[in-house]
Protein backbone atom coordinates (compact mmCIF):
# COMPACT_ATOMS: atom_id res chain seq x y z
CA UNK A 1 67.92 87.17 121.57
CA UNK A 2 66.86 87.45 125.19
CA UNK A 3 69.57 88.78 127.49
CA UNK A 4 69.76 88.62 131.27
CA UNK A 5 69.52 91.81 133.29
CA UNK A 6 72.45 93.08 135.33
CA UNK A 7 70.64 92.07 138.52
CA UNK A 8 70.10 88.52 137.24
CA UNK A 9 73.74 88.14 136.15
CA UNK A 10 75.03 89.47 139.46
CA UNK A 11 72.64 87.28 141.47
CA UNK A 12 73.55 84.11 139.55
CA UNK A 13 77.29 84.79 139.85
CA UNK A 14 77.02 85.57 143.55
CA UNK A 15 74.90 82.47 144.20
CA UNK A 16 77.41 80.24 142.42
CA UNK A 17 80.25 81.63 144.55
CA UNK A 18 78.23 81.30 147.77
CA UNK A 19 77.02 77.79 146.97
CA UNK A 20 80.52 76.61 146.04
CA UNK A 21 81.96 77.99 149.28
CA UNK A 22 79.09 76.68 151.38
CA UNK A 23 79.21 73.29 149.65
CA UNK A 24 82.93 72.82 150.27
CA UNK A 25 82.58 73.97 153.86
CA UNK A 26 79.61 71.66 154.42
CA UNK A 27 81.43 68.59 153.03
CA UNK A 28 84.48 69.33 155.20
CA UNK A 29 82.25 69.82 158.25
CA UNK A 30 80.31 66.55 157.78
CA UNK A 31 83.55 64.69 156.94
CA UNK A 32 84.98 65.94 160.23
CA UNK A 33 81.90 64.70 162.12
CA UNK A 34 82.14 61.33 160.35
CA UNK A 35 85.82 60.99 161.25
CA UNK A 36 85.22 61.92 164.90
CA UNK A 37 82.35 59.43 165.23
CA UNK A 38 84.39 56.66 163.58
CA UNK A 39 87.35 57.41 165.82
CA UNK A 40 85.07 57.28 168.85
CA UNK A 41 83.57 53.94 167.76
CA UNK A 42 86.99 52.45 166.98
CA UNK A 43 88.28 53.66 170.34
CA UNK A 44 85.39 51.97 172.12
CA UNK A 45 85.93 48.71 170.21
CA UNK A 46 89.68 48.85 170.87
CA UNK A 47 89.11 49.33 174.59
CA UNK A 48 86.55 46.50 174.73
CA UNK A 49 88.81 44.16 172.78
CA UNK A 50 91.83 44.84 174.99
CA UNK A 51 89.83 44.10 178.16
CA UNK A 52 88.30 40.93 176.72
CA UNK A 53 91.67 39.65 175.52
CA UNK A 54 92.80 39.67 179.18
CA UNK A 55 89.75 38.34 181.01
CA UNK A 56 89.12 35.50 178.53
CA UNK A 57 92.52 33.83 178.94
CA UNK A 58 91.37 31.35 181.62
CA UNK A 59 87.95 30.59 180.03
CA UNK A 60 89.67 29.86 176.70
CA UNK A 61 92.26 27.58 178.31
CA UNK A 62 89.52 25.81 180.27
CA UNK A 63 87.12 25.92 177.30
CA UNK A 64 84.46 27.19 179.70
CA UNK A 65 82.14 30.07 178.81
CA UNK A 66 80.19 30.19 182.09
CA UNK A 67 82.58 32.66 183.75
CA UNK A 68 82.35 35.24 180.97
CA UNK A 69 78.76 34.78 179.81
CA UNK A 70 77.36 37.45 182.16
CA UNK A 71 80.11 39.91 181.16
CA UNK A 72 79.45 39.41 177.45
CA UNK A 73 75.73 39.84 178.12
CA UNK A 74 76.37 43.27 179.61
CA UNK A 75 78.71 44.32 176.81
CA UNK A 76 76.28 43.41 174.02
CA UNK A 77 73.72 45.85 175.47
CA UNK A 78 75.81 48.66 173.99
CA UNK A 79 73.90 50.14 171.01
CA UNK A 80 77.01 50.10 168.82
CA UNK A 81 77.84 46.41 169.34
CA UNK A 82 76.27 43.69 167.20
CA UNK A 83 78.20 40.58 168.20
CA UNK A 84 81.09 39.41 170.39
CA UNK A 85 82.64 36.02 169.68
CA UNK A 86 85.40 34.22 171.59
CA UNK A 87 87.46 31.54 169.79
CA UNK A 88 90.28 29.26 170.84
CA UNK A 89 93.50 28.87 168.86
CA UNK A 90 91.82 26.34 166.53
CA UNK A 91 88.99 28.83 165.79
CA UNK A 92 86.56 26.75 167.82
CA UNK A 93 83.79 28.97 169.19
CA UNK A 94 83.93 29.18 173.00
CA UNK A 95 81.32 31.87 173.67
CA UNK A 96 79.21 34.28 171.66
CA UNK A 97 76.62 37.01 172.21
CA UNK A 98 74.76 38.58 169.30
CA UNK A 99 71.76 40.73 168.52
CA UNK A 100 69.89 41.33 165.27
CA UNK A 101 70.50 44.54 163.34
CA UNK A 102 68.97 45.34 159.97
CA UNK A 103 71.44 46.40 157.30
CA UNK A 104 70.87 49.98 156.19
CA UNK A 105 71.02 51.16 152.60
CA UNK A 106 72.97 54.17 151.45
CA UNK A 107 69.78 56.22 150.96
CA UNK A 108 70.96 59.79 150.27
CA UNK A 109 74.01 59.55 152.50
CA UNK A 110 77.05 60.92 150.61
CA UNK A 111 79.47 59.77 153.33
CA UNK A 112 77.94 56.39 154.07
CA UNK A 113 79.80 54.11 156.49
CA UNK A 114 79.49 50.35 155.91
CA UNK A 115 76.71 48.88 158.08
CA UNK A 116 78.98 46.52 160.02
CA UNK A 117 82.59 46.97 161.10
CA UNK A 118 84.54 43.92 162.31
CA UNK A 119 87.68 43.89 164.47
CA UNK A 120 89.71 40.90 165.66
CA UNK A 121 91.85 40.84 168.80
CA UNK A 122 94.36 38.05 169.57
CA UNK A 123 94.42 36.48 173.03
CA UNK A 124 97.85 35.57 174.41
CA UNK A 125 98.92 33.50 177.40
CA UNK A 126 102.55 34.38 177.86
CA UNK A 127 103.98 34.39 174.34
CA UNK A 128 101.56 31.79 173.01
CA UNK A 129 98.50 32.82 171.05
CA UNK A 130 95.64 30.84 172.54
CA UNK A 131 92.60 32.43 170.94
CA UNK A 132 90.87 35.38 169.37
CA UNK A 133 88.11 37.88 170.10
CA UNK A 134 85.91 38.98 167.19
CA UNK A 135 83.84 42.11 167.73
CA UNK A 136 81.33 43.35 165.18
CA UNK A 137 79.89 46.83 165.55
CA UNK A 138 77.08 48.72 163.83
CA UNK A 139 77.55 52.07 162.10
CA UNK A 140 73.82 52.92 162.26
CA UNK A 141 74.34 55.73 164.77
CA UNK A 142 77.08 57.28 162.62
CA UNK A 143 75.00 57.11 159.43
CA UNK A 144 71.97 58.61 161.19
CA UNK A 145 74.08 61.52 162.42
CA UNK A 146 75.53 62.10 158.95
CA UNK A 147 72.03 62.12 157.42
CA UNK A 148 70.83 64.54 160.10
CA UNK A 149 73.70 66.90 159.38
CA UNK A 150 73.10 66.56 155.61
CA UNK A 151 69.43 67.50 156.05
CA UNK A 152 70.39 70.45 158.24
CA UNK A 153 72.95 71.54 155.64
CA UNK A 154 70.39 71.35 152.81
CA UNK A 155 67.92 73.44 154.84
CA UNK A 156 70.65 75.95 155.66
CA UNK A 157 71.63 76.20 151.98
CA UNK A 158 68.02 76.76 150.94
CA UNK A 159 67.45 79.52 153.49
CA UNK A 160 70.75 81.15 152.54
CA UNK A 161 69.82 81.16 148.84
CA UNK A 162 66.44 82.75 149.60
CA UNK A 163 68.08 85.40 151.79
CA UNK A 164 70.68 86.21 149.12
CA UNK A 165 68.04 86.51 146.39
CA UNK A 166 65.90 88.82 148.52
CA UNK A 167 68.84 91.01 149.54
CA UNK A 168 70.17 91.30 145.98
CA UNK A 169 66.68 92.04 144.62
CA UNK A 170 66.18 94.75 147.26
CA UNK A 171 69.60 96.25 146.53
CA UNK A 172 69.06 96.45 142.77
CA UNK A 173 65.51 97.73 143.18
CA UNK A 174 66.39 100.60 145.51
CA UNK A 175 69.99 101.41 144.59
CA UNK A 176 70.14 100.65 140.87
CA UNK A 177 66.80 100.22 139.14
CA UNK A 178 64.94 103.18 140.67
CA UNK A 179 67.78 105.74 140.21
CA UNK A 180 68.26 104.59 136.61
CA UNK A 181 64.54 104.90 135.86
CA UNK A 182 64.43 108.37 137.45
CA UNK A 183 67.52 109.40 135.48
CA UNK A 184 66.04 108.11 132.21
CA UNK A 185 62.85 110.02 132.93
CA UNK A 186 64.80 113.23 133.49
CA UNK A 187 66.81 112.67 130.30
CA UNK A 188 63.60 112.06 128.39
CA UNK A 189 62.13 115.33 129.63
CA UNK A 190 65.30 117.19 128.65
CA UNK A 191 65.19 115.58 125.23
CA UNK A 192 61.60 116.77 124.88
CA UNK A 193 62.71 120.36 125.53
CA UNK A 194 61.91 120.67 129.23
CA UNK A 195 65.02 122.49 130.40
CA UNK A 196 63.73 122.59 133.98
CA UNK A 197 63.99 118.81 134.30
CA UNK A 198 66.47 117.69 136.90
CA UNK A 199 67.65 114.49 138.53
CA UNK A 200 68.46 114.26 142.19
CA UNK A 201 68.99 110.89 143.82
CA UNK A 202 67.92 110.35 147.39
CA UNK A 203 71.13 108.45 147.93
CA UNK A 204 74.75 109.33 147.39
CA UNK A 205 75.52 107.37 144.21
CA UNK A 206 78.06 107.96 141.44
CA UNK A 207 75.39 108.68 138.86
């Protein structure tokens, strides 16, 4: 039965511990980035919705989109926005600006965010609800950033594994394997009757 060497056992155990720690840390790190990006996007949408719910009061009451068309045109230029729709209280469309975005697949993204996020904001005149603003945003930027961080993490893990393997191999070669071989050689010479055989390690080791 083939058995693993001490160096192989130590290397495998050490790699498992390192990979587990690195993996957990990486997931927490990317999750933090995902949360921050989502919070930033939601904050932007919230701010946009609050402004629109104030400036669209008169156009909704007058059922006139001419006064807000230019403003919506500027807002839709934002890379994160896909569509902005203004409705009256009967859900009749008053104004709308949209742009085409292709829906992204999950690919290899472990923390994928749905392609489109929709938020609705009520419009009030006094205490009466007179309409609604619907804003749809794209999560493409967030998903691209998560994929970039995932690729960086995979590269980092690979380089770390290679470094660990090389360091462990060097350690066992110079500090374990060579002294043991030299010691076995000296023991063999003593066993053959050479009483002048001696063993002296170049390093201060317990052996």
